[in-house]
Amino acid sequence: LEYARILAQDRDLTLRDIILLDKIQKKKEQSLSPEEIKYLRKYGLVEGRKGNLYLSKQVAKKTGQKARYSKVSGFNKDYYLDLILKAIEEHGYLNRQDIDELLWEKLPDNLRDDQKKNKVMNLIRLLRTQKKIENGGSTRKPKWRLC
């Protein structure tokens, strides 16, 4: 109810907007129709993919949820890549467990563990294809180091 009151103070939002955003806030996205989701996206009120929608940056600012927005939306891909490269530079090499440990808590909160694993794998693959890192270990136990 308090959340709805905060949203109601924004004169730009309609009652429909407030009701739909309240459902997103309460993680009841499945009760929204595809048309309602399309409507929320059109007006920049939500972000994310179906099944993992979250309030947009503009709504997060208005409702005082800036930190939550950053935790859910995650950071720019370059941020994660820089973290990996700097850690490898500091330590000489990192194995997959090290990289997981480095990034896990920084990845978006709305990702499941399997999605986080895939995200890390994709980041490593990107660095490898860009010839920034190489595997100095084996296939089963890679040791990622700078090229």
C-alpha atoms as a PDB file:
ATOM      1  CA  LEU A   1       0.000   0.000   0.000  1.00  0.00           C
ATOM      2  CA  GLU A   2       2.853   2.377   0.870  1.00  0.00           C
ATOM      3  CA  TYR A   3       4.469   1.658  -2.492  1.00  0.00           C
ATOM      4  CA  ALA A   4       1.213   2.529  -4.288  1.00  0.00           C
ATOM      5  CA  ARG A   5       1.030   5.799  -2.324  1.00  0.00           C
ATOM      6  CA  ILE A   6       4.533   6.726  -3.430  1.00  0.00           C
ATOM      7  CA  LEU A   7       3.639   6.010  -7.049  1.00  0.00           C
ATOM      8  CA  ALA A   8       0.364   7.936  -6.732  1.00  0.00           C
ATOM      9  CA  GLN A   9       2.323  11.094  -5.907  1.00  0.00           C
ATOM     10  CA  ASP A  10       3.664  11.066  -9.455  1.00  0.00           C
ATOM     11  CA  ARG A  11       1.121  12.972 -11.544  1.00  0.00           C
ATOM     12  CA  ASP A  12       2.397  11.335 -14.754  1.00  0.00           C
ATOM     13  CA  LEU A  13       1.228   7.865 -13.718  1.00  0.00           C
ATOM     14  CA  THR A  14      -2.326   6.693 -14.221  1.00  0.00           C
ATOM     15  CA  LEU A  15      -4.182   4.391 -11.847  1.00  0.00           C
ATOM     16  CA  ARG A  16      -3.624   1.601 -14.368  1.00  0.00           C
ATOM     17  CA  ASP A  17       0.139   2.294 -14.314  1.00  0.00           C
ATOM     18  CA  ILE A  18       0.192   2.142 -10.525  1.00  0.00           C
ATOM     19  CA  ILE A  19      -1.703  -1.154 -10.409  1.00  0.00           C
ATOM     20  CA  LEU A  20       0.534  -2.758 -13.050  1.00  0.00           C
ATOM     21  CA  LEU A  21       3.739  -1.504 -11.420  1.00  0.00           C
ATOM     22  CA  ASP A  22       2.532  -2.785  -8.073  1.00  0.00           C
ATOM     23  CA  LYS A  23       2.199  -6.257  -9.607  1.00  0.00           C
ATOM     24  CA  ILE A  24       5.780  -6.052 -10.914  1.00  0.00           C
ATOM     25  CA  GLN A  25       7.001  -4.871  -7.511  1.00  0.00           C
ATOM     26  CA  LYS A  26       5.253  -7.809  -5.818  1.00  0.00           C
ATOM     27  CA  LYS A  27       6.746 -10.264  -8.344  1.00  0.00           C
ATOM     28  CA  LYS A  28       3.318 -11.129  -9.770  1.00  0.00           C
ATOM     29  CA  GLU A  29       4.373 -10.642 -13.366  1.00  0.00           C
ATOM     30  CA  GLN A  30       2.636 -13.868 -14.420  1.00  0.00           C
ATOM     31  CA  SER A  31      -0.724 -12.198 -13.734  1.00  0.00           C
ATOM     32  CA  LEU A  32      -0.006  -9.571 -16.417  1.00  0.00           C
ATOM     33  CA  SER A  33      -1.179 -10.032 -19.973  1.00  0.00           C
ATOM     34  CA  PRO A  34       1.254  -9.625 -22.885  1.00  0.00           C
ATOM     35  CA  GLU A  35      -0.556  -6.390 -23.773  1.00  0.00           C
ATOM     36  CA  GLU A  36      -0.017  -4.999 -20.271  1.00  0.00           C
ATOM     37  CA  ILE A  37       3.682  -5.853 -20.404  1.00  0.00           C
ATOM     38  CA  LYS A  38       3.947  -4.240 -23.841  1.00  0.00           C
ATOM     39  CA  TYR A  39       2.221  -1.142 -22.443  1.00  0.00           C
ATOM     40  CA  LEU A  40       4.666  -0.908 -19.511  1.00  0.00           C
ATOM     41  CA  ARG A  41       7.638  -1.279 -21.858  1.00  0.00           C
ATOM     42  CA  LYS A  42       6.270   1.296 -24.303  1.00  0.00           C
ATOM     43  CA  TYR A  43       6.177   3.945 -21.594  1.00  0.00           C
ATOM     44  CA  GLY A  44       9.549   2.963 -20.119  1.00  0.00           C
ATOM     45  CA  LEU A  45       8.144   1.763 -16.813  1.00  0.00           C
ATOM     46  CA  VAL A  46       9.759  -1.697 -16.766  1.00  0.00           C
ATOM     47  CA  GLU A  47      12.934  -3.334 -18.032  1.00  0.00           C
ATOM     48  CA  GLY A  48      14.208  -6.866 -18.328  1.00  0.00           C
ATOM     49  CA  ARG A  49      13.009  -9.989 -20.059  1.00  0.00           C
ATOM     50  CA  LYS A  50       9.722 -11.789 -19.717  1.00  0.00           C
ATOM     51  CA  GLY A  51       9.830 -13.723 -16.473  1.00  0.00           C
ATOM     52  CA  ASN A  52      12.405 -11.307 -15.032  1.00  0.00           C
ATOM     53  CA  LEU A  53      10.800  -7.900 -15.365  1.00  0.00           C
ATOM     54  CA  TYR A  54      11.826  -5.172 -12.971  1.00  0.00           C
ATOM     55  CA  LEU A  55      11.021  -1.503 -12.477  1.00  0.00           C
ATOM     56  CA  SER A  56      12.785   0.896 -14.824  1.00  0.00           C
ATOM     57  CA  LYS A  57      15.426   3.360 -13.703  1.00  0.00           C
ATOM     58  CA  GLN A  58      12.951   6.251 -13.839  1.00  0.00           C
ATOM     59  CA  VAL A  59      10.463   4.444 -11.583  1.00  0.00           C
ATOM     60  CA  ALA A  60      13.248   3.334  -9.225  1.00  0.00           C
ATOM     61  CA  LYS A  61      14.360   6.955  -8.841  1.00  0.00           C
ATOM     62  CA  LYS A  62      10.821   8.130  -8.085  1.00  0.00           C
ATOM     63  CA  THR A  63      10.263   5.401  -5.500  1.00  0.00           C
ATOM     64  CA  GLY A  64      13.650   5.640  -3.803  1.00  0.00           C
ATOM     65  CA  GLN A  65      14.807   2.223  -5.012  1.00  0.00           C
ATOM     66  CA  LYS A  66      18.005   3.190  -6.829  1.00  0.00           C
ATOM     67  CA  ALA A  67      20.200   0.617  -5.103  1.00  0.00           C
ATOM     68  CA  ARG A  68      17.668  -2.138  -5.715  1.00  0.00           C
ATOM     69  CA  TYR A  69      17.511  -1.175  -9.387  1.00  0.00           C
ATOM     70  CA  SER A  70      21.288  -1.492  -9.704  1.00  0.00           C
ATOM     71  CA  LYS A  71      21.282  -4.867  -7.955  1.00  0.00           C
ATOM     72  CA  VAL A  72      18.557  -6.231 -10.227  1.00  0.00           C
ATOM     73  CA  SER A  73      19.643  -4.718 -13.519  1.00  0.00           C
ATOM     74  CA  GLY A  74      23.325  -5.468 -13.052  1.00  0.00           C
ATOM     75  CA  PHE A  75      26.226  -3.494 -14.371  1.00  0.00           C
ATOM     76  CA  ASN A  76      27.590  -2.807 -17.804  1.00  0.00           C
ATOM     77  CA  LYS A  77      29.294  -5.820 -19.409  1.00  0.00           C
ATOM     78  CA  ASP A  78      32.578  -3.870 -19.588  1.00  0.00           C
ATOM     79  CA  TYR A  79      32.538  -3.600 -15.788  1.00  0.00           C
ATOM     80  CA  TYR A  80      32.599  -7.400 -15.439  1.00  0.00           C
ATOM     81  CA  LEU A  81      35.246  -7.777 -18.138  1.00  0.00           C
ATOM     82  CA  ASP A  82      37.468  -5.204 -16.431  1.00  0.00           C
ATOM     83  CA  LEU A  83      37.092  -6.994 -13.108  1.00  0.00           C
ATOM     84  CA  ILE A  84      38.239 -10.269 -14.651  1.00  0.00           C
ATOM     85  CA  LEU A  85      41.187  -8.674 -16.460  1.00  0.00           C
ATOM     86  CA  LYS A  86      42.371  -6.712 -13.405  1.00  0.00           C
ATOM     87  CA  ALA A  87      42.128  -9.784 -11.176  1.00  0.00           C
ATOM     88  CA  ILE A  88      44.138 -11.861 -13.667  1.00  0.00           C
ATOM     89  CA  GLU A  89      46.706  -9.072 -13.898  1.00  0.00           C
ATOM     90  CA  GLU A  90      47.016  -8.980 -10.091  1.00  0.00           C
ATOM     91  CA  HIS A  91      47.219 -12.743  -9.578  1.00  0.00           C
ATOM     92  CA  GLY A  92      48.790 -14.030 -12.787  1.00  0.00           C
ATOM     93  CA  TYR A  93      45.906 -16.362 -13.560  1.00  0.00           C
ATOM     94  CA  LEU A  94      42.395 -17.277 -12.389  1.00  0.00           C
ATOM     95  CA  ASN A  95      40.532 -20.552 -12.615  1.00  0.00           C
ATOM     96  CA  ARG A  96      36.792 -20.733 -13.195  1.00  0.00           C
ATOM     97  CA  GLN A  97      36.034 -20.971  -9.479  1.00  0.00           C
ATOM     98  CA  ASP A  98      38.039 -17.787  -8.866  1.00  0.00           C
ATOM     99  CA  ILE A  99      36.134 -15.944 -11.590  1.00  0.00           C
ATOM    100  CA  ASP A 100      32.795 -17.200 -10.246  1.00  0.00           C
ATOM    101  CA  GLU A 101      33.723 -16.024  -6.769  1.00  0.00           C
ATOM    102  CA  LEU A 102      34.847 -12.649  -8.116  1.00  0.00           C
ATOM    103  CA  LEU A 103      31.643 -11.943 -10.045  1.00  0.00           C
ATOM    104  CA  TRP A 104      28.871 -13.931  -8.349  1.00  0.00           C
ATOM    105  CA  GLU A 105      27.636 -11.292  -5.903  1.00  0.00           C
ATOM    106  CA  LYS A 106      28.005  -8.542  -8.496  1.00  0.00           C
ATOM    107  CA  LEU A 107      25.774 -10.219 -11.080  1.00  0.00           C
ATOM    108  CA  PRO A 108      22.100  -9.206 -11.149  1.00  0.00           C
ATOM    109  CA  ASP A 109      20.022 -10.565  -8.273  1.00  0.00           C
ATOM    110  CA  ASN A 110      17.225 -11.628 -10.574  1.00  0.00           C
ATOM    111  CA  LEU A 111      19.401 -14.255 -12.306  1.00  0.00           C
ATOM    112  CA  ARG A 112      19.196 -17.873 -11.214  1.00  0.00           C
ATOM    113  CA  ASP A 113      22.443 -19.738 -10.457  1.00  0.00           C
ATOM    114  CA  ASP A 114      22.441 -21.470 -13.852  1.00  0.00           C
ATOM    115  CA  GLN A 115      21.959 -18.102 -15.561  1.00  0.00           C
ATOM    116  CA  LYS A 116      24.845 -16.632 -13.578  1.00  0.00           C
ATOM    117  CA  LYS A 117      27.058 -19.565 -14.626  1.00  0.00           C
ATOM    118  CA  ASN A 118      26.132 -18.955 -18.272  1.00  0.00           C
ATOM    119  CA  LYS A 119      26.818 -15.229 -17.912  1.00  0.00           C
ATOM    120  CA  VAL A 120      30.303 -15.915 -16.514  1.00  0.00           C
ATOM    121  CA  MET A 121      30.968 -18.476 -19.251  1.00  0.00           C
ATOM    122  CA  ASN A 122      29.939 -15.941 -21.916  1.00  0.00           C
ATOM    123  CA  LEU A 123      32.202 -13.273 -20.407  1.00  0.00           C
ATOM    124  CA  ILE A 124      35.174 -15.659 -20.423  1.00  0.00           C
ATOM    125  CA  ARG A 125      34.378 -16.674 -24.006  1.00  0.00           C
ATOM    126  CA  LEU A 126      34.221 -13.029 -25.070  1.00  0.00           C
ATOM    127  CA  LEU A 127      37.601 -12.246 -23.523  1.00  0.00           C
ATOM    128  CA  ARG A 128      39.072 -15.350 -25.154  1.00  0.00           C
ATOM    129  CA  THR A 129      37.722 -14.521 -28.622  1.00  0.00           C
ATOM    130  CA  GLN A 130      39.006 -10.954 -28.248  1.00  0.00           C
ATOM    131  CA  LYS A 131      42.426 -12.502 -27.553  1.00  0.00           C
ATOM    132  CA  LYS A 132      42.676 -10.783 -24.159  1.00  0.00           C
ATOM    133  CA  ILE A 133      42.953 -14.010 -22.176  1.00  0.00           C
ATOM    134  CA  GLU A 134      44.064 -17.551 -22.925  1.00  0.00           C
ATOM    135  CA  ASN A 135      43.881 -20.883 -21.176  1.00  0.00           C
ATOM    136  CA  GLY A 136      47.234 -21.771 -19.641  1.00  0.00           C
ATOM    137  CA  GLY A 137      45.871 -24.921 -18.043  1.00  0.00           C
ATOM    138  CA  SER A 138      43.944 -27.902 -19.332  1.00  0.00           C
ATOM    139  CA  THR A 139      40.444 -28.182 -20.759  1.00  0.00           C
ATOM    140  CA  ARG A 140      39.167 -29.708 -17.548  1.00  0.00           C
ATOM    141  CA  LYS A 141      41.026 -27.266 -15.280  1.00  0.00           C
ATOM    142  CA  PRO A 142      41.554 -24.013 -17.156  1.00  0.00           C
ATOM    143  CA  LYS A 143      43.859 -21.341 -15.805  1.00  0.00           C
ATOM    144  CA  TRP A 144      42.938 -18.094 -17.487  1.00  0.00           C
ATOM    145  CA  ARG A 145      45.844 -15.702 -18.007  1.00  0.00           C
ATOM    146  CA  LEU A 146      46.440 -12.563 -20.028  1.00  0.00           C
ATOM    147  CA  CYS A 147      47.581 -12.973 -23.633  1.00  0.00           C
END
